[in-house]
């Protein structure tokens, strides 16, 4: 059910995720879908969360570094299905603001934002950003670089190139840290 709903969402957006259509694609009855997801919005949010599940279930280190953050992001961005999901998700805040707010609450998006803020603050405290750097704006512009990557790069770009792109974005925003050497395949 969730895979069918996620495919609908990625292909055509929130409005395409209809219980009847998802049930038919999944080979189940409408009643089966409604038993688990009483409202269409429940199905949409569960489908989006399912699209991220493999990346969200990875344990994060207790004190993540910029390298940990970039590796996690690159892993998600190297997954072509997640890329499609993220591109489609870009329109949801404007087209379905209540659904987007609920999605952020229920999927831990605010926690992920906090991790990024914490990593950037730790880098600044270690002197790897120029004094007085506006870390809130760094986070906004870094997110913009990810959005730009989603829209302008291939869904099959190798992970190491994504890692390089993310480090380049942070260096352009003032981070004084080189990426670690490439790992052997």
Protein backbone atom coordinates (compact mmCIF):
# COMPACT_ATOMS: atom_id res chain seq x y z
CA UNK A 1 0.00 0.00 0.00
CA UNK A 2 2.69 2.45 0.99
CA UNK A 3 4.81 1.70 -2.06
CA UNK A 4 1.80 2.25 -4.31
CA UNK A 5 0.95 5.53 -2.56
CA UNK A 6 4.59 6.64 -2.68
CA UNK A 7 4.78 5.96 -6.42
CA UNK A 8 1.64 8.03 -6.94
CA UNK A 9 3.07 10.84 -4.82
CA UNK A 10 6.43 10.86 -6.63
CA UNK A 11 4.82 10.64 -10.08
CA UNK A 12 2.07 13.21 -9.68
CA UNK A 13 1.99 14.75 -6.20
CA UNK A 14 -0.31 14.76 -3.19
CA UNK A 15 -3.52 15.15 -5.16
CA UNK A 16 -2.80 11.94 -7.10
CA UNK A 17 -2.69 9.84 -3.92
CA UNK A 18 -6.24 8.54 -3.86
CA UNK A 19 -7.23 5.63 -1.66
CA UNK A 20 -8.95 3.84 -4.56
CA UNK A 21 -5.95 4.18 -6.84
CA UNK A 22 -3.42 3.16 -4.19
CA UNK A 23 -5.55 0.16 -3.18
CA UNK A 24 -5.89 -0.97 -6.78
CA UNK A 25 -2.14 -0.61 -7.44
CA UNK A 26 -1.37 -2.52 -4.24
CA UNK A 27 -3.92 -5.24 -4.96
CA UNK A 28 -5.91 -4.65 -1.79
CA UNK A 29 -9.38 -3.36 -1.03
CA UNK A 30 -10.24 0.20 -0.06
CA UNK A 31 -11.32 -1.16 3.32
CA UNK A 32 -7.81 -2.53 3.90
CA UNK A 33 -6.31 0.89 3.27
CA UNK A 34 -8.88 2.68 5.44
CA UNK A 35 -8.34 0.24 8.34
CA UNK A 36 -4.71 1.24 8.52
CA UNK A 37 -5.00 4.84 7.27
CA UNK A 38 -8.39 6.34 8.19
CA UNK A 39 -7.74 9.54 6.22
CA UNK A 40 -6.04 10.07 2.89
CA UNK A 41 -3.55 12.42 4.58
CA UNK A 42 -2.52 9.57 6.91
CA UNK A 43 -1.71 7.47 3.86
CA UNK A 44 0.26 10.29 2.21
CA UNK A 45 2.39 10.95 5.29
CA UNK A 46 3.01 7.25 5.90
CA UNK A 47 4.04 6.83 2.25
CA UNK A 48 6.48 9.75 2.44
CA UNK A 49 7.95 8.40 5.68
CA UNK A 50 8.29 4.97 4.05
CA UNK A 51 10.27 6.56 1.24
CA UNK A 52 12.82 7.81 3.77
CA UNK A 53 12.64 4.84 6.14
CA UNK A 54 15.94 3.21 5.23
CA UNK A 55 17.76 6.51 5.75
CA UNK A 56 15.88 7.53 8.88
CA UNK A 57 16.43 4.23 10.65
CA UNK A 58 20.21 4.49 10.51
CA UNK A 59 21.47 5.38 13.94
CA UNK A 60 23.18 8.71 14.07
CA UNK A 61 26.27 9.22 16.18
CA UNK A 62 25.75 10.89 19.57
CA UNK A 63 27.85 13.89 18.54
CA UNK A 64 27.62 14.07 14.74
CA UNK A 65 30.33 15.81 12.76
CA UNK A 66 30.05 17.66 9.46
CA UNK A 67 31.39 14.48 7.84
CA UNK A 68 28.64 12.38 9.42
CA UNK A 69 26.04 14.88 8.29
CA UNK A 70 27.32 14.96 4.72
CA UNK A 71 27.65 11.18 4.49
CA UNK A 72 24.05 10.77 5.65
CA UNK A 73 22.76 13.37 3.22
CA UNK A 74 24.79 11.95 0.34
CA UNK A 75 23.41 8.50 1.07
CA UNK A 76 19.87 9.81 0.78
CA UNK A 77 20.65 11.91 -2.31
CA UNK A 78 22.30 8.92 -4.02
CA UNK A 79 19.02 7.00 -3.73
CA UNK A 80 17.10 7.84 -6.93
CA UNK A 81 13.74 7.14 -5.29
CA UNK A 82 14.48 9.50 -2.41
CA UNK A 83 15.56 12.14 -4.94
CA UNK A 84 12.17 11.87 -6.65
CA UNK A 85 10.44 12.05 -3.29
CA UNK A 86 12.41 15.14 -2.25
CA UNK A 87 11.75 16.91 -5.54
CA UNK A 88 8.03 16.27 -5.22
CA UNK A 89 8.09 17.28 -1.56
CA UNK A 90 9.38 20.73 -2.55
CA UNK A 91 5.90 21.78 -3.71
CA UNK A 92 4.00 20.50 -0.69
CA UNK A 93 4.62 23.47 1.66
CA UNK A 94 2.88 25.81 -0.78
CA UNK A 95 0.19 23.51 -2.15
CA UNK A 96 -0.68 21.68 1.10
CA UNK A 97 0.72 23.67 4.06
CA UNK A 98 -1.25 21.81 6.74
CA UNK A 99 -0.17 18.45 5.40
CA UNK A 100 3.44 19.63 5.25
CA UNK A 101 3.34 20.88 8.85
CA UNK A 102 1.95 17.53 9.97
CA UNK A 103 4.57 15.66 7.95
CA UNK A 104 7.35 17.68 9.64
CA UNK A 105 5.93 16.98 13.10
CA UNK A 106 5.38 13.29 12.56
CA UNK A 107 8.57 12.38 10.70
CA UNK A 108 11.15 14.11 12.87
CA UNK A 109 12.05 16.75 10.29
CA UNK A 110 12.49 19.32 13.05
CA UNK A 111 14.93 16.97 14.80
CA UNK A 112 16.94 16.64 11.58
CA UNK A 113 17.03 20.43 11.28
CA UNK A 114 18.30 20.64 14.85
CA UNK A 115 21.08 18.15 14.11
CA UNK A 116 22.23 20.31 11.20
CA UNK A 117 22.12 23.45 13.36
CA UNK A 118 24.12 21.67 16.05
CA UNK A 119 26.75 20.43 13.60
CA UNK A 120 27.14 23.93 12.14
CA UNK A 121 27.37 25.47 15.63
CA UNK A 122 30.03 22.92 16.61
CA UNK A 123 32.02 23.76 13.48
CA UNK A 124 31.75 27.48 14.27
CA UNK A 125 32.82 26.86 17.88
CA UNK A 126 35.86 24.96 16.57
CA UNK A 127 36.78 28.01 14.48
CA UNK A 128 35.97 26.46 11.11
CA UNK A 129 33.61 29.28 10.14
CA UNK A 130 34.70 32.93 10.13
CA UNK A 131 33.75 34.83 13.28
CA UNK A 132 30.27 36.28 13.11
CA UNK A 133 29.03 33.85 10.47
CA UNK A 134 25.23 33.79 10.34
CA UNK A 135 24.74 30.04 10.86
CA UNK A 136 20.99 30.25 10.35
CA UNK A 137 21.61 31.66 6.87
CA UNK A 138 24.34 29.07 6.24
CA UNK A 139 21.76 26.37 6.97
CA UNK A 140 19.20 27.98 4.66
CA UNK A 141 21.70 28.36 1.82
CA UNK A 142 23.06 24.84 2.35
CA UNK A 143 19.50 23.52 2.05
CA UNK A 144 19.20 25.58 -1.13
CA UNK A 145 22.31 23.92 -2.52
CA UNK A 146 20.68 20.55 -1.89
CA UNK A 147 17.51 21.68 -3.66
CA UNK A 148 19.57 22.94 -6.57
CA UNK A 149 21.38 19.61 -6.76
CA UNK A 150 18.07 17.76 -6.83
CA UNK A 151 16.88 19.87 -9.74
CA UNK A 152 20.05 20.05 -11.82
CA UNK A 153 21.96 16.79 -11.34
CA UNK A 154 21.31 13.26 -12.51
CA UNK A 155 19.38 10.90 -10.27
CA UNK A 156 22.23 8.46 -10.83
CA UNK A 157 25.11 10.71 -9.79
CA UNK A 158 27.69 8.74 -7.81
CA UNK A 159 27.71 9.22 -4.07
CA UNK A 160 31.28 10.54 -4.01
CA UNK A 161 30.31 13.34 -6.39
CA UNK A 162 27.38 14.22 -4.14
CA UNK A 163 29.72 14.30 -1.12
CA UNK A 164 32.04 16.62 -3.06
CA UNK A 165 29.11 18.89 -4.02
CA UNK A 166 27.96 19.18 -0.39
CA UNK A 167 31.47 19.99 0.88
CA UNK A 168 31.92 22.56 -1.91
CA UNK A 169 28.64 24.20 -0.88
CA UNK A 170 29.71 24.42 2.77
CA UNK A 171 33.16 25.74 1.83
CA UNK A 172 31.50 28.41 -0.34
CA UNK A 173 29.47 29.35 2.74
CA UNK A 174 32.65 29.79 4.79
CA UNK A 175 33.47 26.36 6.22
CA UNK A 176 37.22 25.98 6.44
CA UNK A 177 37.41 22.22 6.16
CA UNK A 178 38.40 19.98 3.29
CA UNK A 179 36.48 16.80 2.61
CA UNK A 180 38.10 13.59 3.79
CA UNK A 181 40.01 11.60 1.17
CA UNK A 182 37.80 9.44 -1.06
CA UNK A 183 37.13 5.99 0.27
CA UNK A 184 38.30 3.02 -1.76
CA UNK A 185 35.39 1.32 -3.59
